[in-house]
PDB file of N, CA and C in Angstrom:
ATOM      1  N   MET A   1      62.068 149.932  45.256  1.00  0.00           N
ATOM      2  CA  MET A   1      62.977 149.460  44.234  1.00  0.00           C
ATOM      3  C   MET A   1      62.937 150.333  42.987  1.00  0.00           C
ATOM      4  N   SER A   2      62.037 151.270  42.901  1.00  0.00           N
ATOM      5  CA  SER A   2      61.924 152.077  41.688  1.00  0.00           C
ATOM      6  C   SER A   2      63.140 152.974  41.495  1.00  0.00           C
ATOM      7  N   SER A   3      63.879 153.291  42.560  1.00  0.00           N
ATOM      8  CA  SER A   3      65.060 154.135  42.416  1.00  0.00           C
ATOM      9  C   SER A   3      66.277 153.347  41.938  1.00  0.00           C
ATOM     10  N   LEU A   4      66.180 152.018  41.973  1.00  0.00           N
ATOM     11  CA  LEU A   4      67.275 151.168  41.534  1.00  0.00           C
ATOM     12  C   LEU A   4      67.338 151.186  40.010  1.00  0.00           C
ATOM     13  N   GLY A   5      68.477 151.599  39.460  1.00  0.00           N
ATOM     14  CA  GLY A   5      68.606 151.723  38.021  1.00  0.00           C
ATOM     15  C   GLY A   5      68.886 150.423  37.310  1.00  0.00           C
ATOM     16  N   ARG A   6      69.634 149.531  37.948  1.00  0.00           N
ATOM     17  CA  ARG A   6      70.043 148.298  37.295  1.00  0.00           C
ATOM     18  C   ARG A   6      70.177 147.182  38.327  1.00  0.00           C
ATOM     19  N   LEU A   7      69.625 146.023  38.006  1.00  0.00           N
ATOM     20  CA  LEU A   7      69.723 144.856  38.875  1.00  0.00           C
ATOM     21  C   LEU A   7      69.646 143.619  38.003  1.00  0.00           C
ATOM     22  N   ASN A   8      70.605 142.723  38.167  1.00  0.00           N
ATOM     23  CA  ASN A   8      70.603 141.493  37.392  1.00  0.00           C
ATOM     24  C   ASN A   8      70.666 140.315  38.359  1.00  0.00           C
ATOM     25  N   LEU A   9      69.589 139.559  38.426  1.00  0.00           N
ATOM     26  CA  LEU A   9      69.482 138.408  39.315  1.00  0.00           C
ATOM     27  C   LEU A   9      69.587 137.091  38.557  1.00  0.00           C
ATOM     28  N   SER A  10      70.098 137.139  37.343  1.00  0.00           N
ATOM     29  CA  SER A  10      70.191 135.954  36.492  1.00  0.00           C
ATOM     30  C   SER A  10      71.051 134.874  37.119  1.00  0.00           C
ATOM     31  N   TYR A  11      70.696 133.605  36.824  1.00  0.00           N
ATOM     32  CA  TYR A  11      71.457 132.417  37.217  1.00  0.00           C
ATOM     33  C   TYR A  11      71.633 132.281  38.741  1.00  0.00           C
ATOM     34  N   ASN A  12      70.614 132.633  39.481  1.00  0.00           N
ATOM     35  CA  ASN A  12      70.680 132.523  40.941  1.00  0.00           C
ATOM     36  C   ASN A  12      69.749 131.457  41.502  1.00  0.00           C
ATOM     37  N   ASN A  13      69.068 130.714  40.627  1.00  0.00           N
ATOM     38  CA  ASN A  13      68.164 129.647  41.047  1.00  0.00           C
ATOM     39  C   ASN A  13      67.112 130.151  42.037  1.00  0.00           C
ATOM     40  N   LEU A  14      66.576 131.331  41.765  1.00  0.00           N
ATOM     41  CA  LEU A  14      65.542 131.916  42.614  1.00  0.00           C
ATOM     42  C   LEU A  14      64.206 131.270  42.312  1.00  0.00           C
ATOM     43  N   GLN A  15      63.294 131.312  43.272  1.00  0.00           N
ATOM     44  CA  GLN A  15      61.957 130.770  43.059  1.00  0.00           C
ATOM     45  C   GLN A  15      60.952 131.570  43.859  1.00  0.00           C
ATOM     46  N   GLY A  16      59.716 131.550  43.388  1.00  0.00           N
ATOM     47  CA  GLY A  16      58.641 132.257  44.081  1.00  0.00           C
ATOM     48  C   GLY A  16      58.125 133.427  43.268  1.00  0.00           C
ATOM     49  N   LYS A  17      57.259 134.208  43.894  1.00  0.00           N
ATOM     50  CA  LYS A  17      56.614 135.332  43.226  1.00  0.00           C
ATOM     51  C   LYS A  17      57.417 136.606  43.450  1.00  0.00           C
ATOM     52  N   LEU A  18      57.637 137.341  42.370  1.00  0.00           N
ATOM     53  CA  LEU A  18      58.329 138.623  42.460  1.00  0.00           C
ATOM     54  C   LEU A  18      57.402 139.671  43.060  1.00  0.00           C
ATOM     55  N   ASP A  19      57.950 140.525  43.882  1.00  0.00           N
ATOM     56  CA  ASP A  19      57.232 141.665  44.437  1.00  0.00           C
ATOM     57  C   ASP A  19      56.954 142.670  43.319  1.00  0.00           C
ATOM     58  N   ASP A  20      55.944 143.484  43.467  1.00  0.00           N
ATOM     59  CA  ASP A  20      55.602 144.486  42.444  1.00  0.00           C
ATOM     60  C   ASP A  20      56.744 145.471  42.197  1.00  0.00           C
ATOM     61  N   GLY A  21      57.647 145.615  43.153  1.00  0.00           N
ATOM     62  CA  GLY A  21      58.766 146.532  42.996  1.00  0.00           C
ATOM     63  C   GLY A  21      59.737 146.132  41.903  1.00  0.00           C
ATOM     64  N   TYR A  22      59.680 144.904  41.445  1.00  0.00           N
ATOM     65  CA  TYR A  22      60.573 144.422  40.384  1.00  0.00           C
ATOM     66  C   TYR A  22      59.938 144.499  39.003  1.00  0.00           C
ATOM     67  N   SER A  23      58.710 144.941  38.906  1.00  0.00           N
ATOM     68  CA  SER A  23      57.986 144.906  37.631  1.00  0.00           C
ATOM     69  C   SER A  23      58.583 145.834  36.580  1.00  0.00           C
ATOM     70  N   HIS A  24      59.330 146.846  36.987  1.00  0.00           N
ATOM     71  CA  HIS A  24      59.926 147.777  36.020  1.00  0.00           C
ATOM     72  C   HIS A  24      61.229 147.257  35.407  1.00  0.00           C
ATOM     73  N   LEU A  25      61.779 146.170  35.965  1.00  0.00           N
ATOM     74  CA  LEU A  25      63.039 145.632  35.458  1.00  0.00           C
ATOM     75  C   LEU A  25      62.813 144.824  34.177  1.00  0.00           C
ATOM     76  N   PRO A  26      63.793 144.782  33.289  1.00  0.00           N
ATOM     77  CA  PRO A  26      63.655 143.985  32.061  1.00  0.00           C
ATOM     78  C   PRO A  26      63.680 142.483  32.375  1.00  0.00           C
ATOM     79  N   ILE A  27      63.056 141.707  31.502  1.00  0.00           N
ATOM     80  CA  ILE A  27      62.973 140.263  31.683  1.00  0.00           C
ATOM     81  C   ILE A  27      64.360 139.625  31.740  1.00  0.00           C
ATOM     82  N   ASP A  28      65.323 140.169  31.006  1.00  0.00           N
ATOM     83  CA  ASP A  28      66.650 139.551  30.993  1.00  0.00           C
ATOM     84  C   ASP A  28      67.392 139.713  32.323  1.00  0.00           C
ATOM     85  N   SER A  29      66.822 140.406  33.283  1.00  0.00           N
ATOM     86  CA  SER A  29      67.404 140.491  34.623  1.00  0.00           C
ATOM     87  C   SER A  29      67.163 139.226  35.438  1.00  0.00           C
ATOM     88  N   PHE A  30      66.312 138.332  34.908  1.00  0.00           N
ATOM     89  CA  PHE A  30      65.906 137.140  35.655  1.00  0.00           C
ATOM     90  C   PHE A  30      66.171 135.835  34.892  1.00  0.00           C
ATOM     91  N   VAL A  31      67.118 135.827  33.976  1.00  0.00           N
ATOM     92  CA  VAL A  31      67.413 134.667  33.142  1.00  0.00           C
ATOM     93  C   VAL A  31      67.805 133.465  34.002  1.00  0.00           C
ATOM     94  N   GLU A  32      67.282 132.279  33.643  1.00  0.00           N
ATOM     95  CA  GLU A  32      67.586 130.997  34.289  1.00  0.00           C
ATOM     96  C   GLU A  32      67.152 130.900  35.747  1.00  0.00           C
ATOM     97  N   ASN A  33      66.161 131.667  36.108  1.00  0.00           N
ATOM     98  CA  ASN A  33      65.491 131.494  37.388  1.00  0.00           C
ATOM     99  C   ASN A  33      64.125 130.896  37.046  1.00  0.00           C
ATOM    100  N   LEU A  34      64.130 129.607  36.711  1.00  0.00           N
ATOM    101  CA  LEU A  34      62.972 128.960  36.105  1.00  0.00           C
ATOM    102  C   LEU A  34      61.758 128.880  37.021  1.00  0.00           C
ATOM    103  N   ARG A  35      61.940 128.950  38.322  1.00  0.00           N
ATOM    104  CA  ARG A  35      60.813 128.843  39.247  1.00  0.00           C
ATOM    105  C   ARG A  35      60.406 130.207  39.793  1.00  0.00           C
ATOM    106  N   LEU A  36      60.840 131.257  39.131  1.00  0.00           N
ATOM    107  CA  LEU A  36      60.496 132.617  39.503  1.00  0.00           C
ATOM    108  C   LEU A  36      59.338 133.081  38.634  1.00  0.00           C
ATOM    109  N   CYS A  37      58.385 133.794  39.225  1.00  0.00           N
ATOM    110  CA  CYS A  37      57.219 134.238  38.462  1.00  0.00           C
ATOM    111  C   CYS A  37      56.756 135.601  38.955  1.00  0.00           C
ATOM    112  N   GLY A  38      55.789 136.158  38.265  1.00  0.00           N
ATOM    113  CA  GLY A  38      55.270 137.482  38.578  1.00  0.00           C
ATOM    114  C   GLY A  38      55.850 138.513  37.627  1.00  0.00           C
ATOM    115  N   LEU A  39      55.206 139.656  37.531  1.00  0.00           N
ATOM    116  CA  LEU A  39      55.658 140.685  36.595  1.00  0.00           C
ATOM    117  C   LEU A  39      57.093 141.089  36.872  1.00  0.00           C
ATOM    118  N   PRO A  40      57.919 141.188  35.849  1.00  0.00           N
ATOM    119  CA  PRO A  40      57.667 141.195  34.417  1.00  0.00           C
ATOM    120  C   PRO A  40      57.663 139.803  33.777  1.00  0.00           C
ATOM    121  N   LEU A  41      57.787 138.749  34.574  1.00  0.00           N
ATOM    122  CA  LEU A  41      57.788 137.380  34.043  1.00  0.00           C
ATOM    123  C   LEU A  41      56.358 136.875  33.895  1.00  0.00           C
ATOM    124  N   ASP A  42      56.205 135.588  33.633  1.00  0.00           N
ATOM    125  CA  ASP A  42      54.880 134.978  33.524  1.00  0.00           C
ATOM    126  C   ASP A  42      54.154 135.045  34.858  1.00  0.00           C
ATOM    127  N   LEU A  43      52.833 134.976  34.791  1.00  0.00           N
ATOM    128  CA  LEU A  43      52.035 134.937  36.009  1.00  0.00           C
ATOM    129  C   LEU A  43      52.291 133.641  36.757  1.00  0.00           C
ATOM    130  N   CYS A  44      52.151 133.676  38.054  1.00  0.00           N
ATOM    131  CA  CYS A  44      52.430 132.518  38.897  1.00  0.00           C
ATOM    132  C   CYS A  44      51.309 131.491  38.817  1.00  0.00           C
ATOM    133  N   GLN A  45      51.708 130.235  38.855  1.00  0.00           N
ATOM    134  CA  GLN A  45      50.758 129.128  38.997  1.00  0.00           C
ATOM    135  C   GLN A  45      50.485 128.956  40.483  1.00  0.00           C
ATOM    136  N   GLY A  46      49.383 128.311  40.829  1.00  0.00           N
ATOM    137  CA  GLY A  46      49.030 128.107  42.227  1.00  0.00           C
ATOM    138  C   GLY A  46      50.029 127.264  42.993  1.00  0.00           C
ATOM    139  N   SER A  47      50.732 126.342  42.321  1.00  0.00           N
ATOM    140  CA  SER A  47      51.645 125.437  43.023  1.00  0.00           C
ATOM    141  C   SER A  47      53.003 126.062  43.303  1.00  0.00           C
ATOM    142  N   ILE A  48      53.336 127.159  42.653  1.00  0.00           N
ATOM    143  CA  ILE A  48      54.651 127.758  42.849  1.00  0.00           C
ATOM    144  C   ILE A  48      54.659 128.690  44.054  1.00  0.00           C
ATOM    145  N   HIS A  49      53.603 129.471  44.204  1.00  0.00           N
ATOM    146  CA  HIS A  49      53.555 130.451  45.281  1.00  0.00           C
ATOM    147  C   HIS A  49      52.980 129.807  46.539  1.00  0.00           C
ATOM    148  N   HIS A  50      53.779 129.772  47.589  1.00  0.00           N
ATOM    149  CA  HIS A  50      53.331 129.206  48.853  1.00  0.00           C
ATOM    150  C   HIS A  50      52.997 130.346  49.807  1.00  0.00           C
ATOM    151  N   PRO A  51      51.893 130.244  50.511  1.00  0.00           N
ATOM    152  CA  PRO A  51      51.548 131.310  51.448  1.00  0.00           C
ATOM    153  C   PRO A  51      52.566 131.379  52.584  1.00  0.00           C
ATOM    154  N   LYS A  52      52.817 132.596  53.035  1.00  0.00           N
ATOM    155  CA  LYS A  52      53.772 132.789  54.120  1.00  0.00           C
ATOM    156  C   LYS A  52      53.054 132.670  55.451  1.00  0.00           C
ATOM    157  N   GLY A  53      53.765 132.218  56.445  1.00  0.00           N
ATOM    158  CA  GLY A  53      53.218 132.174  57.787  1.00  0.00           C
ATOM    159  C   GLY A  53      52.456 130.901  58.083  1.00  0.00           C
ATOM    160  N   TRP A  54      51.840 130.881  59.241  1.00  0.00           N
ATOM    161  CA  TRP A  54      51.127 129.719  59.752  1.00  0.00           C
ATOM    162  C   TRP A  54      49.654 129.829  59.417  1.00  0.00           C
ATOM    163  N   SER A  55      49.009 128.708  59.276  1.00  0.00           N
ATOM    164  CA  SER A  55      47.574 128.712  59.020  1.00  0.00           C
ATOM    165  C   SER A  55      46.854 129.137  60.297  1.00  0.00           C
ATOM    166  N   PRO A  56      45.663 129.709  60.169  1.00  0.00           N
ATOM    167  CA  PRO A  56      44.903 130.127  61.347  1.00  0.00           C
ATOM    168  C   PRO A  56      44.641 128.978  62.320  1.00  0.00           C
ATOM    169  N   THR A  57      44.402 127.774  61.805  1.00  0.00           N
ATOM    170  CA  THR A  57      44.165 126.621  62.670  1.00  0.00           C
ATOM    171  C   THR A  57      45.399 126.306  63.508  1.00  0.00           C
ATOM    172  N   SER A  58      46.575 126.376  62.908  1.00  0.00           N
ATOM    173  CA  SER A  58      47.814 126.128  63.641  1.00  0.00           C
ATOM    174  C   SER A  58      48.025 127.168  64.737  1.00  0.00           C
ATOM    175  N   VAL A  59      47.755 128.414  64.422  1.00  0.00           N
ATOM    176  CA  VAL A  59      47.925 129.487  65.402  1.00  0.00           C
ATOM    177  C   VAL A  59      46.994 129.275  66.586  1.00  0.00           C
ATOM    178  N   ILE A  60      45.754 128.920  66.316  1.00  0.00           N
ATOM    179  CA  ILE A  60      44.783 128.684  67.387  1.00  0.00           C
ATOM    180  C   ILE A  60      45.210 127.495  68.243  1.00  0.00           C
ATOM    181  N   ALA A  61      45.631 126.407  67.599  1.00  0.00           N
ATOM    182  CA  ALA A  61      46.044 125.213  68.342  1.00  0.00           C
ATOM    183  C   ALA A  61      47.257 125.498  69.218  1.00  0.00           C
ATOM    184  N   ILE A  62      48.241 126.185  68.688  1.00  0.00           N
ATOM    185  CA  ILE A  62      49.446 126.504  69.457  1.00  0.00           C
ATOM    186  C   ILE A  62      49.105 127.449  70.608  1.00  0.00           C
ATOM    187  N   SER A  63      48.267 128.431  70.363  1.00  0.00           N
ATOM    188  CA  SER A  63      47.853 129.361  71.419  1.00  0.00           C
ATOM    189  C   SER A  63      47.119 128.623  72.527  1.00  0.00           C
ATOM    190  N   PHE A  64      46.219 127.743  72.163  1.00  0.00           N
ATOM    191  CA  PHE A  64      45.453 126.985  73.145  1.00  0.00           C
ATOM    192  C   PHE A  64      46.366 126.111  73.998  1.00  0.00           C
ATOM    193  N   LEU A  65      47.242 125.353  73.342  1.00  0.00           N
ATOM    194  CA  LEU A  65      48.150 124.465  74.069  1.00  0.00           C
ATOM    195  C   LEU A  65      49.124 125.240  74.957  1.00  0.00           C
ATOM    196  N   SER A  66      49.589 126.374  74.481  1.00  0.00           N
ATOM    197  CA  SER A  66      50.484 127.207  75.284  1.00  0.00           C
ATOM    198  C   SER A  66      49.773 127.733  76.524  1.00  0.00           C
ATOM    199  N   THR A  67      48.534 128.147  76.357  1.00  0.00           N
ATOM    200  CA  THR A  67      47.748 128.646  77.488  1.00  0.00           C
ATOM    201  C   THR A  67      47.530 127.546  78.515  1.00  0.00           C
ATOM    202  N   ILE A  68      47.165 126.352  78.066  1.00  0.00           N
ATOM    203  CA  ILE A  68      46.970 125.218  78.977  1.00  0.00           C
ATOM    204  C   ILE A  68      48.269 124.901  79.716  1.00  0.00           C
ATOM    205  N   ALA A  69      49.395 124.927  79.011  1.00  0.00           N
ATOM    206  CA  ALA A  69      50.685 124.635  79.635  1.00  0.00           C
ATOM    207  C   ALA A  69      51.028 125.669  80.707  1.00  0.00           C
ATOM    208  N   VAL A  70      50.781 126.942  80.435  1.00  0.00           N
ATOM    209  CA  VAL A  70      51.067 127.994  81.419  1.00  0.00           C
ATOM    210  C   VAL A  70      50.174 127.848  82.641  1.00  0.00           C
ATOM    211  N   ILE A  71      48.899 127.571  82.432  1.00  0.00           N
ATOM    212  CA  ILE A  71      47.977 127.372  83.558  1.00  0.00           C
ATOM    213  C   ILE A  71      48.416 126.172  84.395  1.00  0.00           C
ATOM    214  N   ALA A  72      48.801 125.086  83.754  1.00  0.00           N
ATOM    215  CA  ALA A  72      49.262 123.899  84.483  1.00  0.00           C
ATOM    216  C   ALA A  72      50.512 124.216  85.296  1.00  0.00           C
ATOM    217  N   LEU A  73      51.455 124.934  84.721  1.00  0.00           N
ATOM    218  CA  LEU A  73      52.670 125.302  85.450  1.00  0.00           C
ATOM    219  C   LEU A  73      52.359 126.207  86.642  1.00  0.00           C
ATOM    220  N   MET A  74      51.439 127.140  86.461  1.00  0.00           N
ATOM    221  CA  MET A  74      51.043 128.010  87.571  1.00  0.00           C
ATOM    222  C   MET A  74      50.388 127.193  88.678  1.00  0.00           C
ATOM    223  N   PHE A  75      49.557 126.252  88.323  1.00  0.00           N
ATOM    224  CA  PHE A  75      48.877 125.408  89.296  1.00  0.00           C
ATOM    225  C   PHE A  75      49.884 124.559  90.070  1.00  0.00           C
ATOM    226  N   ILE A  76      50.826 123.955  89.372  1.00  0.00           N
ATOM    227  CA  ILE A  76      51.851 123.135  90.017  1.00  0.00           C
ATOM    228  C   ILE A  76      52.712 123.988  90.944  1.00  0.00           C
ATOM    229  N   THR A  77      53.076 125.183  90.502  1.00  0.00           N
ATOM    230  CA  THR A  77      53.867 126.093  91.329  1.00  0.00           C
ATOM    231  C   THR A  77      53.109 126.472  92.592  1.00  0.00           C
ATOM    232  N   ALA A  78      51.825 126.778  92.446  1.00  0.00           N
ATOM    233  CA  ALA A  78      51.013 127.137  93.610  1.00  0.00           C
ATOM    234  C   ALA A  78      50.931 125.984  94.597  1.00  0.00           C
ATOM    235  N   ILE A  79      50.746 124.769  94.109  1.00  0.00           N
ATOM    236  CA  ILE A  79      50.683 123.596  94.994  1.00  0.00           C
ATOM    237  C   ILE A  79      52.014 123.408  95.727  1.00  0.00           C
ATOM    238  N   LEU A  80      53.115 123.520  95.020  1.00  0.00           N
ATOM    239  CA  LEU A  80      54.429 123.356  95.643  1.00  0.00           C
ATOM    240  C   LEU A  80      54.695 124.433  96.693  1.00  0.00           C
ATOM    241  N   LEU A  81      54.318 125.670  96.402  1.00  0.00           N
ATOM    242  CA  LEU A  81      54.493 126.749  97.373  1.00  0.00           C
ATOM    243  C   LEU A  81      53.615 126.525  98.600  1.00  0.00           C
ATOM    244  N   PHE A  82      52.389 126.112  98.394  1.00  0.00           N
ATOM    245  CA  PHE A  82      51.469 125.847  99.502  1.00  0.00           C
ATOM    246  C   PHE A  82      52.013 124.733 100.392  1.00  0.00           C
ATOM    247  N   ARG A  83      52.518 123.674  99.784  1.00  0.00           N
ATOM    248  CA  ARG A  83      53.067 122.550 100.558  1.00  0.00           C
ATOM    249  C   ARG A  83      54.320 122.967 101.341  1.00  0.00           C
ATOM    250  N   SER A  84      55.174 123.752 100.702  1.00  0.00           N
ATOM    251  CA  SER A  84      56.405 124.171 101.391  1.00  0.00           C
ATOM    252  C   SER A  84      56.110 125.093 102.564  1.00  0.00           C
ATOM    253  N   LYS A  85      55.125 125.984 102.428  1.00  0.00           N
ATOM    254  CA  LYS A  85      54.749 126.874 103.526  1.00  0.00           C
ATOM    255  C   LYS A  85      54.065 126.083 104.641  1.00  0.00           C
ATOM    256  N   ARG A  86      53.250 125.130 104.237  1.00  0.00           N
ATOM    257  CA  ARG A  86      52.532 124.309 105.211  1.00  0.00           C
ATOM    258  C   ARG A  86      53.504 123.454 106.029  1.00  0.00           C
ATOM    259  N   SER A  87      54.496 122.861 105.392  1.00  0.00           N
ATOM    260  CA  SER A  87      55.458 122.026 106.104  1.00  0.00           C
ATOM    261  C   SER A  87      56.407 122.889 106.944  1.00  0.00           C
ATOM    262  N   GLY A  88      56.544 124.152 106.628  1.00  0.00           N
ATOM    263  CA  GLY A  88      57.393 125.052 107.386  1.00  0.00           C
ATOM    264  C   GLY A  88      56.814 125.409 108.747  1.00  0.00           C
ATOM    265  N   PHE A  89      55.503 125.315 108.912  1.00  0.00           N
ATOM    266  CA  PHE A  89      54.839 125.654 110.173  1.00  0.00           C
ATOM    267  C   PHE A  89      54.833 124.504 111.160  1.00  0.00           C
ATOM    268  N   ASN A  90      55.172 123.300 110.759  1.00  0.00           N
ATOM    269  CA  ASN A  90      55.148 122.137 111.664  1.00  0.00           C
ATOM    270  C   ASN A  90      56.338 122.077 112.524  1.00  0.00           C
TER     271      ASN A  90
END
């Protein structure tokens, strides 16, 4: 963003933490974005900035459940194939 000469994001109801790439812009580029923070504006409070992505616990739980589901489907498929081949020989 350093090559950008002019940017005005005023009155857009933006919220969250500004990336460091916006720190060179004047404060008046962000007028009436009351929930926006970070340089060149005020520092962010803990309640405004939300972490991106899933928590590690959620990732582990989803991975575990997905693995169990795939194993169960493979097991069911194997049983069905075994039964169909077995009944085909009678």
